[in-house]
């Protein structure tokens, strides 16, 4: 599924003390942090889930977006790796008895060859690799 995000930045009138005033381009440059609006199209369920988490953290969505943009600037790119995971864990409920036994044999062969790690490290790696 392809996801698209549309973004538009709009410079508008800004509130100055007790009145509205239109600022010149030079003034707008210096006030950009207070006068630029960001409009983005986001899938409703993604927006709802993200805003629920941000709310629990006490962070307004606008602050989170500002933090994200600042990290883009600091990292000179996206502040996280963008890639498709190479593999998912095997779902044993979808395996036939023969396939299940083959998976057990692979695990047994790994154990015999010494390709093992302790459970704490294994579960930490699974959580990291699969975003769990």
N, C-alpha and C. Protein backbone atom coordinates (compact mmCIF):
# COMPACT_ATOMS: atom_id res chain seq x y z
N UNK A 1 0.84 -1.18 0.00
CA UNK A 1 0.00 0.00 0.00
C UNK A 1 0.89 1.24 0.00
N UNK A 2 0.62 2.13 -0.90
CA UNK A 2 1.41 3.36 -1.01
C UNK A 2 0.75 4.44 -0.18
N UNK A 3 1.56 5.15 0.62
CA UNK A 3 1.05 6.23 1.45
C UNK A 3 1.56 7.55 0.91
N UNK A 4 0.68 8.52 0.83
CA UNK A 4 1.07 9.83 0.34
C UNK A 4 0.78 10.86 1.41
N UNK A 5 1.70 11.80 1.55
CA UNK A 5 1.52 12.91 2.47
C UNK A 5 1.69 14.19 1.67
N UNK A 6 0.72 15.07 1.74
CA UNK A 6 0.80 16.36 1.06
C UNK A 6 1.06 17.43 2.11
N UNK A 7 1.98 18.33 1.82
CA UNK A 7 2.34 19.37 2.78
C UNK A 7 2.30 20.72 2.10
N UNK A 8 1.76 21.71 2.79
CA UNK A 8 1.75 23.08 2.29
C UNK A 8 2.09 24.01 3.45
N UNK A 9 2.96 24.96 3.21
CA UNK A 9 3.30 25.94 4.24
C UNK A 9 2.66 27.26 3.85
N UNK A 10 1.95 27.85 4.78
CA UNK A 10 1.22 29.08 4.51
C UNK A 10 1.66 30.15 5.50
N UNK A 11 2.05 31.30 4.98
CA UNK A 11 2.39 32.43 5.83
C UNK A 11 1.16 33.33 5.86
N UNK A 12 0.77 33.74 7.07
CA UNK A 12 -0.46 34.49 7.21
C UNK A 12 -0.26 35.73 8.06
N UNK A 13 -1.38 36.39 8.35
CA UNK A 13 -1.34 37.49 9.27
C UNK A 13 -0.92 36.97 10.63
N UNK A 14 -0.25 37.78 11.41
CA UNK A 14 0.18 37.37 12.75
C UNK A 14 -0.36 38.36 13.76
N UNK A 15 -0.58 37.90 14.96
CA UNK A 15 -1.11 38.75 16.02
C UNK A 15 0.04 39.45 16.71
N UNK A 16 0.01 40.75 16.77
CA UNK A 16 1.07 41.54 17.39
C UNK A 16 0.47 42.35 18.53
N UNK A 17 0.78 41.96 19.76
CA UNK A 17 0.27 42.60 20.97
C UNK A 17 -1.25 42.67 20.96
N UNK A 18 -1.83 43.82 20.64
CA UNK A 18 -3.29 43.92 20.72
C UNK A 18 -3.96 44.14 19.37
N UNK A 19 -3.28 43.85 18.28
CA UNK A 19 -3.91 44.03 16.97
C UNK A 19 -3.29 43.09 15.95
N UNK A 20 -4.05 42.84 14.88
CA UNK A 20 -3.55 42.03 13.78
C UNK A 20 -2.76 42.92 12.84
N UNK A 21 -1.69 42.42 12.31
CA UNK A 21 -0.85 43.22 11.42
C UNK A 21 -0.29 42.30 10.34
N UNK A 22 -0.21 42.83 9.12
CA UNK A 22 0.44 42.08 8.06
C UNK A 22 1.91 42.47 8.09
N UNK A 23 2.78 41.46 8.11
CA UNK A 23 4.22 41.71 8.20
C UNK A 23 4.86 41.64 6.83
N UNK A 24 5.92 42.43 6.64
CA UNK A 24 6.68 42.40 5.38
C UNK A 24 7.41 41.07 5.27
N UNK A 25 7.96 40.79 4.08
CA UNK A 25 8.71 39.54 3.90
C UNK A 25 9.87 39.44 4.88
N UNK A 26 10.58 40.55 5.10
CA UNK A 26 11.71 40.54 6.02
C UNK A 26 11.24 40.23 7.44
N UNK A 27 10.15 40.87 7.85
CA UNK A 27 9.61 40.60 9.19
C UNK A 27 9.10 39.18 9.28
N UNK A 28 8.48 38.69 8.21
CA UNK A 28 7.96 37.32 8.22
C UNK A 28 9.09 36.31 8.35
N UNK A 29 10.24 36.60 7.74
CA UNK A 29 11.38 35.71 7.85
C UNK A 29 11.77 35.53 9.31
N UNK A 30 11.82 36.63 10.05
CA UNK A 30 12.20 36.56 11.46
C UNK A 30 11.09 35.97 12.31
N UNK A 31 9.85 36.04 11.85
CA UNK A 31 8.73 35.52 12.62
C UNK A 31 8.28 34.14 12.13
N UNK A 32 9.00 33.55 11.22
CA UNK A 32 8.54 32.32 10.57
C UNK A 32 8.13 31.24 11.57
N UNK A 33 8.81 31.15 12.69
CA UNK A 33 8.47 30.11 13.64
C UNK A 33 7.10 30.31 14.25
N UNK A 34 6.61 31.55 14.23
CA UNK A 34 5.30 31.83 14.81
C UNK A 34 4.22 32.03 13.77
N UNK A 35 4.59 32.11 12.48
CA UNK A 35 3.58 32.44 11.49
C UNK A 35 3.46 31.42 10.35
N UNK A 36 4.15 30.31 10.42
CA UNK A 36 4.04 29.31 9.36
C UNK A 36 3.11 28.20 9.82
N UNK A 37 2.16 27.87 8.98
CA UNK A 37 1.24 26.77 9.26
C UNK A 37 1.61 25.60 8.38
N UNK A 38 1.40 24.41 8.88
CA UNK A 38 1.69 23.20 8.14
C UNK A 38 0.39 22.43 7.97
N UNK A 39 0.05 22.11 6.74
CA UNK A 39 -1.13 21.31 6.47
C UNK A 39 -0.66 19.99 5.87
N UNK A 40 -1.06 18.89 6.47
CA UNK A 40 -0.63 17.58 5.98
C UNK A 40 -1.82 16.63 5.93
N UNK A 41 -1.89 15.84 4.89
CA UNK A 41 -2.93 14.80 4.79
C UNK A 41 -2.34 13.53 5.37
N UNK A 42 -3.00 13.03 6.39
CA UNK A 42 -2.53 11.84 7.09
C UNK A 42 -3.70 10.86 7.22
N UNK A 43 -3.42 9.58 7.10
CA UNK A 43 -4.46 8.57 7.26
C UNK A 43 -5.11 8.75 8.63
N UNK A 44 -6.45 8.74 8.70
CA UNK A 44 -7.14 8.99 9.96
C UNK A 44 -6.73 8.08 11.11
N UNK A 45 -6.55 6.78 10.84
CA UNK A 45 -6.18 5.87 11.93
C UNK A 45 -4.76 6.13 12.42
N UNK A 46 -3.86 6.50 11.53
CA UNK A 46 -2.48 6.83 11.91
C UNK A 46 -2.49 8.08 12.79
N UNK A 47 -3.25 9.09 12.37
CA UNK A 47 -3.35 10.34 13.12
C UNK A 47 -3.91 10.08 14.52
N UNK A 48 -4.98 9.29 14.58
CA UNK A 48 -5.63 9.01 15.86
C UNK A 48 -4.69 8.27 16.82
N UNK A 49 -4.01 7.26 16.33
CA UNK A 49 -3.10 6.49 17.18
C UNK A 49 -1.93 7.35 17.66
N UNK A 50 -1.35 8.13 16.75
CA UNK A 50 -0.20 8.98 17.11
C UNK A 50 -0.62 10.05 18.11
N UNK A 51 -1.77 10.69 17.88
CA UNK A 51 -2.21 11.75 18.80
C UNK A 51 -2.59 11.19 20.15
N UNK A 52 -3.06 9.96 20.20
CA UNK A 52 -3.36 9.32 21.48
C UNK A 52 -2.08 9.13 22.30
N UNK A 53 -1.03 8.67 21.63
CA UNK A 53 0.26 8.48 22.31
C UNK A 53 0.83 9.82 22.74
N UNK A 54 0.79 10.81 21.86
CA UNK A 54 1.30 12.15 22.20
C UNK A 54 0.53 12.74 23.37
N UNK A 55 -0.77 12.54 23.39
CA UNK A 55 -1.59 13.05 24.49
C UNK A 55 -1.17 12.41 25.82
N UNK A 56 -0.94 11.10 25.79
CA UNK A 56 -0.50 10.41 27.01
C UNK A 56 0.85 10.94 27.49
N UNK A 57 1.68 11.39 26.54
CA UNK A 57 2.99 11.96 26.88
C UNK A 57 2.90 13.44 27.24
N UNK A 58 1.74 14.05 26.99
CA UNK A 58 1.57 15.47 27.27
C UNK A 58 2.24 16.37 26.25
N UNK A 59 2.36 15.87 25.02
CA UNK A 59 3.03 16.62 23.95
C UNK A 59 2.00 16.97 22.88
N UNK A 60 1.77 18.26 22.61
CA UNK A 60 0.87 18.62 21.52
C UNK A 60 1.43 18.16 20.17
N UNK A 61 0.54 17.83 19.24
CA UNK A 61 0.98 17.36 17.92
C UNK A 61 1.88 18.39 17.25
N UNK A 62 1.57 19.68 17.40
CA UNK A 62 2.40 20.71 16.77
C UNK A 62 3.82 20.70 17.32
N UNK A 63 3.98 20.43 18.62
CA UNK A 63 5.32 20.35 19.21
C UNK A 63 6.07 19.13 18.69
N UNK A 64 5.36 18.02 18.54
CA UNK A 64 6.00 16.80 18.02
C UNK A 64 6.47 17.01 16.59
N UNK A 65 5.64 17.67 15.78
CA UNK A 65 6.02 17.95 14.39
C UNK A 65 7.22 18.89 14.36
N UNK A 66 7.22 19.89 15.24
CA UNK A 66 8.36 20.82 15.33
C UNK A 66 9.64 20.06 15.71
N UNK A 67 9.53 19.14 16.68
CA UNK A 67 10.69 18.33 17.07
C UNK A 67 11.18 17.48 15.90
N UNK A 68 10.23 16.89 15.17
CA UNK A 68 10.57 16.07 14.01
C UNK A 68 11.34 16.89 12.98
N UNK A 69 10.85 18.08 12.65
CA UNK A 69 11.53 18.94 11.69
C UNK A 69 12.92 19.34 12.17
N UNK A 70 13.05 19.64 13.46
CA UNK A 70 14.37 20.00 14.00
C UNK A 70 15.34 18.83 13.90
N UNK A 71 14.84 17.62 14.11
CA UNK A 71 15.70 16.45 13.97
C UNK A 71 16.11 16.23 12.51
N UNK A 72 15.21 16.51 11.58
CA UNK A 72 15.56 16.42 10.16
C UNK A 72 16.73 17.36 9.87
N UNK A 73 16.65 18.57 10.42
CA UNK A 73 17.72 19.55 10.22
C UNK A 73 19.02 19.06 10.86
N UNK A 74 18.95 18.60 12.11
CA UNK A 74 20.16 18.14 12.80
C UNK A 74 20.80 16.92 12.14
N UNK A 75 19.95 15.99 11.69
CA UNK A 75 20.46 14.75 11.08
C UNK A 75 20.75 14.91 9.59
N UNK A 76 20.31 16.02 9.03
CA UNK A 76 20.45 16.28 7.60
C UNK A 76 19.77 15.17 6.79
N UNK A 77 18.62 14.76 7.26
CA UNK A 77 17.83 13.71 6.62
C UNK A 77 16.81 13.21 7.63
N UNK A 78 16.13 12.14 7.28
CA UNK A 78 15.16 11.58 8.22
C UNK A 78 15.89 11.07 9.47
N UNK A 79 15.31 11.30 10.64
CA UNK A 79 15.99 10.91 11.88
C UNK A 79 15.78 9.45 12.26
N UNK A 80 15.45 8.62 11.29
CA UNK A 80 15.29 7.19 11.53
C UNK A 80 15.55 6.47 10.21
N UNK A 81 15.81 5.18 10.33
CA UNK A 81 16.08 4.37 9.15
C UNK A 81 14.77 4.01 8.45
N UNK A 82 14.73 4.15 7.15
CA UNK A 82 13.55 3.80 6.38
C UNK A 82 13.89 2.58 5.53
N UNK A 83 13.31 1.44 5.90
CA UNK A 83 13.57 0.22 5.14
C UNK A 83 12.45 -0.78 5.36
N UNK A 84 12.36 -1.73 4.49
CA UNK A 84 11.40 -2.81 4.62
C UNK A 84 12.10 -3.94 5.37
N UNK A 85 11.49 -4.44 6.45
CA UNK A 85 12.12 -5.54 7.18
C UNK A 85 12.38 -6.73 6.26
N UNK A 86 13.52 -7.39 6.47
CA UNK A 86 13.89 -8.49 5.59
C UNK A 86 13.02 -9.73 5.81
N UNK A 87 12.58 -9.97 7.01
CA UNK A 87 11.78 -11.17 7.28
C UNK A 87 10.94 -10.96 8.53
N UNK A 88 9.89 -11.73 8.63
CA UNK A 88 9.03 -11.71 9.81
C UNK A 88 9.20 -13.05 10.52
N UNK A 89 8.92 -13.09 11.82
CA UNK A 89 8.99 -14.37 12.53
C UNK A 89 8.00 -15.37 11.92
N UNK A 90 8.32 -16.63 12.01
CA UNK A 90 7.46 -17.67 11.46
C UNK A 90 6.21 -17.78 12.32
N UNK A 91 5.05 -17.76 11.69
CA UNK A 91 3.77 -17.93 12.38
C UNK A 91 3.45 -19.42 12.34
N UNK A 92 3.66 -20.10 13.47
CA UNK A 92 3.49 -21.56 13.48
C UNK A 92 2.06 -22.00 13.23
N UNK A 93 1.10 -21.09 13.48
CA UNK A 93 -0.30 -21.48 13.25
C UNK A 93 -0.61 -21.67 11.77
N UNK A 94 0.26 -21.16 10.90
CA UNK A 94 0.02 -21.30 9.45
C UNK A 94 0.80 -22.47 8.85
N UNK A 95 1.62 -23.15 9.64
CA UNK A 95 2.46 -24.25 9.13
C UNK A 95 1.73 -25.58 9.18
N UNK A 96 2.04 -26.41 8.19
CA UNK A 96 1.55 -27.79 8.24
C UNK A 96 2.42 -28.54 9.25
N UNK A 97 2.04 -29.75 9.55
CA UNK A 97 2.82 -30.55 10.50
C UNK A 97 4.24 -30.79 9.98
N UNK A 98 4.38 -31.04 8.69
CA UNK A 98 5.69 -31.28 8.09
C UNK A 98 6.55 -30.01 8.19
N UNK A 99 5.97 -28.84 7.83
CA UNK A 99 6.70 -27.58 7.90
C UNK A 99 7.09 -27.25 9.34
N UNK A 100 6.20 -27.52 10.28
CA UNK A 100 6.49 -27.29 11.69
C UNK A 100 7.67 -28.14 12.14
N UNK A 101 7.68 -29.40 11.76
CA UNK A 101 8.78 -30.29 12.13
C UNK A 101 10.10 -29.85 11.50
N UNK A 102 10.03 -29.32 10.26
CA UNK A 102 11.23 -28.80 9.60
C UNK A 102 11.80 -27.60 10.38
N UNK A 103 10.92 -26.73 10.85
CA UNK A 103 11.37 -25.57 11.63
C UNK A 103 12.02 -26.03 12.94
N UNK A 104 11.44 -27.04 13.59
CA UNK A 104 12.03 -27.58 14.81
C UNK A 104 13.41 -28.17 14.53
N UNK A 105 13.53 -28.86 13.40
CA UNK A 105 14.83 -29.45 13.02
C UNK A 105 15.88 -28.36 12.81
N UNK A 106 15.48 -27.26 12.15
CA UNK A 106 16.41 -26.15 11.95
C UNK A 106 16.89 -25.61 13.29
N UNK A 107 15.97 -25.44 14.22
CA UNK A 107 16.33 -24.95 15.55
C UNK A 107 17.26 -25.90 16.28
N UNK A 108 16.99 -27.19 16.16
CA UNK A 108 17.83 -28.20 16.80
C UNK A 108 19.23 -28.20 16.19
N UNK A 109 19.31 -28.06 14.86
CA UNK A 109 20.61 -28.02 14.18
C UNK A 109 21.40 -26.78 14.61
N UNK A 110 20.72 -25.64 14.75
CA UNK A 110 21.39 -24.42 15.23
C UNK A 110 21.94 -24.63 16.63
N UNK A 111 21.15 -25.27 17.50
CA UNK A 111 21.60 -25.53 18.87
C UNK A 111 22.83 -26.44 18.87
N UNK A 112 22.80 -27.49 18.05
CA UNK A 112 23.93 -28.42 17.98
C UNK A 112 25.19 -27.72 17.46
N UNK A 113 25.03 -26.75 16.55
CA UNK A 113 26.17 -26.04 15.96
C UNK A 113 26.65 -24.88 16.84
N UNK A 114 25.95 -24.65 17.96
CA UNK A 114 26.37 -23.57 18.86
C UNK A 114 25.88 -22.18 18.44
N UNK A 115 24.94 -22.12 17.51
CA UNK A 115 24.38 -20.84 17.08
C UNK A 115 23.18 -20.49 17.97
N UNK A 116 23.50 -20.13 19.19
CA UNK A 116 22.45 -19.81 20.16
C UNK A 116 22.77 -18.50 20.87
N UNK A 117 21.78 -17.96 21.57
CA UNK A 117 21.96 -16.80 22.44
C UNK A 117 20.98 -16.94 23.58
N UNK A 118 21.24 -16.24 24.68
CA UNK A 118 20.35 -16.40 25.81
C UNK A 118 18.98 -15.78 25.50
N UNK A 119 17.96 -16.22 26.22
CA UNK A 119 16.58 -15.81 25.93
C UNK A 119 16.39 -14.31 26.05
N UNK A 120 17.00 -13.68 27.05
CA UNK A 120 16.84 -12.23 27.24
C UNK A 120 17.33 -11.47 26.01
N UNK A 121 18.50 -11.86 25.49
CA UNK A 121 19.06 -11.21 24.31
C UNK A 121 18.20 -11.51 23.08
N UNK A 122 17.73 -12.75 22.95
CA UNK A 122 16.91 -13.14 21.80
C UNK A 122 15.63 -12.32 21.75
N UNK A 123 14.94 -12.19 22.89
CA UNK A 123 13.68 -11.43 22.90
C UNK A 123 13.93 -9.94 22.68
N UNK A 124 15.02 -9.41 23.20
CA UNK A 124 15.36 -8.00 22.95
C UNK A 124 15.61 -7.76 21.46
N UNK A 125 16.31 -8.69 20.82
CA UNK A 125 16.57 -8.57 19.38
C UNK A 125 15.28 -8.65 18.56
N UNK A 126 14.39 -9.55 18.95
CA UNK A 126 13.11 -9.69 18.24
C UNK A 126 12.30 -8.40 18.35
N UNK A 127 12.23 -7.84 19.56
CA UNK A 127 11.49 -6.58 19.75
C UNK A 127 12.08 -5.46 18.90
N UNK A 128 13.40 -5.38 18.87
CA UNK A 128 14.08 -4.33 18.09
C UNK A 128 13.86 -4.54 16.59
N UNK A 129 14.10 -5.75 16.11
CA UNK A 129 14.04 -6.03 14.67
C UNK A 129 12.62 -5.92 14.10
N UNK A 130 11.61 -6.23 14.89
CA UNK A 130 10.26 -6.27 14.36
C UNK A 130 9.35 -5.18 14.94
N UNK A 131 9.96 -4.22 15.65
CA UNK A 131 9.20 -3.10 16.17
C UNK A 131 8.10 -3.49 17.13
N UNK A 132 8.36 -4.48 17.95
CA UNK A 132 7.34 -4.94 18.91
C UNK A 132 7.53 -4.31 20.26
